[in-house]
Amino acid sequence: MLLKLLLLFLPLGLTLPLLYLIGEGVLDFGAGEKDLLWGFLWGISSIIFLLIGVVLWRRETQLSRWFLRSWIYTLLLLLILWLGLLGYSVISA
């Protein structure tokens, strides 16, 4: 149970240090201030992972299946969100 809690909150706990390192210039992806978008994307995916992980935790008991499904569902939801925003920007332009 403690390991599941740690795995649930680990990505969310790494969000602020990641944003700080990008803001200070320690991590540089070559896009200037737009690098912060990677940090925000990480934060959004961490929150989605946490929510999906809690739901799957109530259903699944095996750690490997729970962890893998949480990341797959998170990536699929981010892809759907990205495609929705892309479609919205094309329609509104």
C-alpha atoms as a PDB file:
ATOM      1  CA  MET A   1       0.000   0.000   0.000  1.00  0.00           C
ATOM      2  CA  LEU A   2       2.800   2.404   0.833  1.00  0.00           C
ATOM      3  CA  LEU A   3       4.543   1.605  -2.458  1.00  0.00           C
ATOM      4  CA  LYS A   4       1.341   2.346  -4.389  1.00  0.00           C
ATOM      5  CA  LEU A   5       0.977   5.678  -2.612  1.00  0.00           C
ATOM      6  CA  LEU A   6       4.586   6.535  -3.382  1.00  0.00           C
ATOM      7  CA  LEU A   7       4.125   5.632  -7.039  1.00  0.00           C
ATOM      8  CA  LEU A   8       0.906   7.648  -7.209  1.00  0.00           C
ATOM      9  CA  PHE A   9       2.423  10.855  -5.853  1.00  0.00           C
ATOM     10  CA  LEU A  10       5.961  10.565  -7.272  1.00  0.00           C
ATOM     11  CA  PRO A  11       5.265  12.232 -10.658  1.00  0.00           C
ATOM     12  CA  LEU A  12       3.272  14.997  -8.990  1.00  0.00           C
ATOM     13  CA  GLY A  13       6.046  15.514  -6.439  1.00  0.00           C
ATOM     14  CA  LEU A  14       8.616  15.892  -9.206  1.00  0.00           C
ATOM     15  CA  THR A  15       6.621  18.582 -11.011  1.00  0.00           C
ATOM     16  CA  LEU A  16       7.747  21.576  -8.950  1.00  0.00           C
ATOM     17  CA  PRO A  17      11.457  20.635  -8.972  1.00  0.00           C
ATOM     18  CA  LEU A  18      11.198  20.112 -12.738  1.00  0.00           C
ATOM     19  CA  LEU A  19       9.598  23.539 -13.239  1.00  0.00           C
ATOM     20  CA  TYR A  20      12.209  25.132 -10.980  1.00  0.00           C
ATOM     21  CA  LEU A  21      15.116  23.549 -12.866  1.00  0.00           C
ATOM     22  CA  ILE A  22      13.654  24.619 -16.206  1.00  0.00           C
ATOM     23  CA  GLY A  23      13.010  28.146 -14.912  1.00  0.00           C
ATOM     24  CA  GLU A  24      16.547  28.503 -13.587  1.00  0.00           C
ATOM     25  CA  GLY A  25      18.030  27.269 -16.862  1.00  0.00           C
ATOM     26  CA  VAL A  26      19.589  24.106 -15.448  1.00  0.00           C
ATOM     27  CA  LEU A  27      17.405  22.039 -17.777  1.00  0.00           C
ATOM     28  CA  ASP A  28      17.437  23.583 -21.240  1.00  0.00           C
ATOM     29  CA  PHE A  29      15.572  22.027 -24.143  1.00  0.00           C
ATOM     30  CA  GLY A  30      16.520  24.790 -26.580  1.00  0.00           C
ATOM     31  CA  ALA A  31      13.167  26.567 -26.807  1.00  0.00           C
ATOM     32  CA  GLY A  32      13.705  29.348 -24.268  1.00  0.00           C
ATOM     33  CA  GLU A  33      10.690  30.184 -22.156  1.00  0.00           C
ATOM     34  CA  LYS A  34       8.587  27.697 -24.112  1.00  0.00           C
ATOM     35  CA  ASP A  35      10.445  24.976 -22.218  1.00  0.00           C
ATOM     36  CA  LEU A  36       8.082  25.661 -19.314  1.00  0.00           C
ATOM     37  CA  LEU A  37       5.288  24.144 -21.405  1.00  0.00           C
ATOM     38  CA  TRP A  38       7.007  20.769 -20.932  1.00  0.00           C
ATOM     39  CA  GLY A  39       6.798  21.277 -17.192  1.00  0.00           C
ATOM     40  CA  PHE A  40       3.118  22.168 -17.352  1.00  0.00           C
ATOM     41  CA  LEU A  41       2.452  19.141 -19.563  1.00  0.00           C
ATOM     42  CA  TRP A  42       4.260  17.014 -16.986  1.00  0.00           C
ATOM     43  CA  GLY A  43       2.094  18.510 -14.233  1.00  0.00           C
ATOM     44  CA  ILE A  44      -1.146  17.855 -16.120  1.00  0.00           C
ATOM     45  CA  SER A  45      -0.122  14.284 -16.870  1.00  0.00           C
ATOM     46  CA  SER A  46       0.831  13.795 -13.207  1.00  0.00           C
ATOM     47  CA  ILE A  47      -2.610  14.893 -12.045  1.00  0.00           C
ATOM     48  CA  ILE A  48      -4.301  12.648 -14.620  1.00  0.00           C
ATOM     49  CA  PHE A  49      -2.060   9.751 -13.538  1.00  0.00           C
ATOM     50  CA  LEU A  50      -2.981  10.347  -9.907  1.00  0.00           C
ATOM     51  CA  LEU A  51      -6.713  10.358 -10.611  1.00  0.00           C
ATOM     52  CA  ILE A  52      -6.636   7.316 -12.885  1.00  0.00           C
ATOM     53  CA  GLY A  53      -4.304   5.541 -10.478  1.00  0.00           C
ATOM     54  CA  VAL A  54      -6.704   6.014  -7.582  1.00  0.00           C
ATOM     55  CA  VAL A  55      -9.588   4.609  -9.647  1.00  0.00           C
ATOM     56  CA  LEU A  56      -7.559   1.611 -10.801  1.00  0.00           C
ATOM     57  CA  TRP A  57      -6.156   1.070  -7.324  1.00  0.00           C
ATOM     58  CA  ARG A  58      -9.680   0.430  -6.068  1.00  0.00           C
ATOM     59  CA  ARG A  59     -10.199  -2.204  -8.788  1.00  0.00           C
ATOM     60  CA  GLU A  60      -6.814  -3.890  -9.261  1.00  0.00           C
ATOM     61  CA  THR A  61      -4.625  -5.565  -6.697  1.00  0.00           C
ATOM     62  CA  GLN A  62      -1.580  -6.409  -8.781  1.00  0.00           C
ATOM     63  CA  LEU A  63       0.940  -3.563  -8.804  1.00  0.00           C
ATOM     64  CA  SER A  64       2.383  -4.120 -12.281  1.00  0.00           C
ATOM     65  CA  ARG A  65      -1.012  -4.182 -14.013  1.00  0.00           C
ATOM     66  CA  TRP A  66      -2.184  -1.131 -12.093  1.00  0.00           C
ATOM     67  CA  PHE A  67       0.942   0.890 -12.880  1.00  0.00           C
ATOM     68  CA  LEU A  68       1.019  -0.020 -16.574  1.00  0.00           C
ATOM     69  CA  ARG A  69      -2.682   0.668 -17.101  1.00  0.00           C
ATOM     70  CA  SER A  70      -2.426   3.996 -15.310  1.00  0.00           C
ATOM     71  CA  TRP A  71       0.306   5.207 -17.652  1.00  0.00           C
ATOM     72  CA  ILE A  72      -1.434   3.870 -20.761  1.00  0.00           C
ATOM     73  CA  TYR A  73      -4.714   5.556 -19.840  1.00  0.00           C
ATOM     74  CA  THR A  74      -2.878   8.770 -18.972  1.00  0.00           C
ATOM     75  CA  LEU A  75      -1.109   8.872 -22.326  1.00  0.00           C
ATOM     76  CA  LEU A  76      -4.345   8.106 -24.181  1.00  0.00           C
ATOM     77  CA  LEU A  77      -6.198  10.841 -22.315  1.00  0.00           C
ATOM     78  CA  LEU A  78      -3.411  13.344 -23.039  1.00  0.00           C
ATOM     79  CA  LEU A  79      -3.511  12.389 -26.717  1.00  0.00           C
ATOM     80  CA  ILE A  80      -7.289  12.896 -26.830  1.00  0.00           C
ATOM     81  CA  LEU A  81      -6.923  16.230 -25.031  1.00  0.00           C
ATOM     82  CA  TRP A  82      -4.202  17.347 -27.452  1.00  0.00           C
ATOM     83  CA  LEU A  83      -6.238  16.315 -30.506  1.00  0.00           C
ATOM     84  CA  GLY A  84      -9.274  18.118 -29.105  1.00  0.00           C
ATOM     85  CA  LEU A  85      -7.304  21.320 -28.582  1.00  0.00           C
ATOM     86  CA  LEU A  86      -5.772  20.977 -32.040  1.00  0.00           C
ATOM     87  CA  GLY A  87      -9.220  20.517 -33.592  1.00  0.00           C
ATOM     88  CA  TYR A  88     -10.551  23.494 -31.652  1.00  0.00           C
ATOM     89  CA  SER A  89      -7.696  25.721 -32.847  1.00  0.00           C
ATOM     90  CA  VAL A  90      -8.249  24.658 -36.472  1.00  0.00           C
ATOM     91  CA  ILE A  91     -11.984  25.292 -36.294  1.00  0.00           C
ATOM     92  CA  SER A  92     -11.665  28.666 -34.547  1.00  0.00           C
ATOM     93  CA  ALA A  93      -8.960  29.945 -36.936  1.00  0.00           C
END
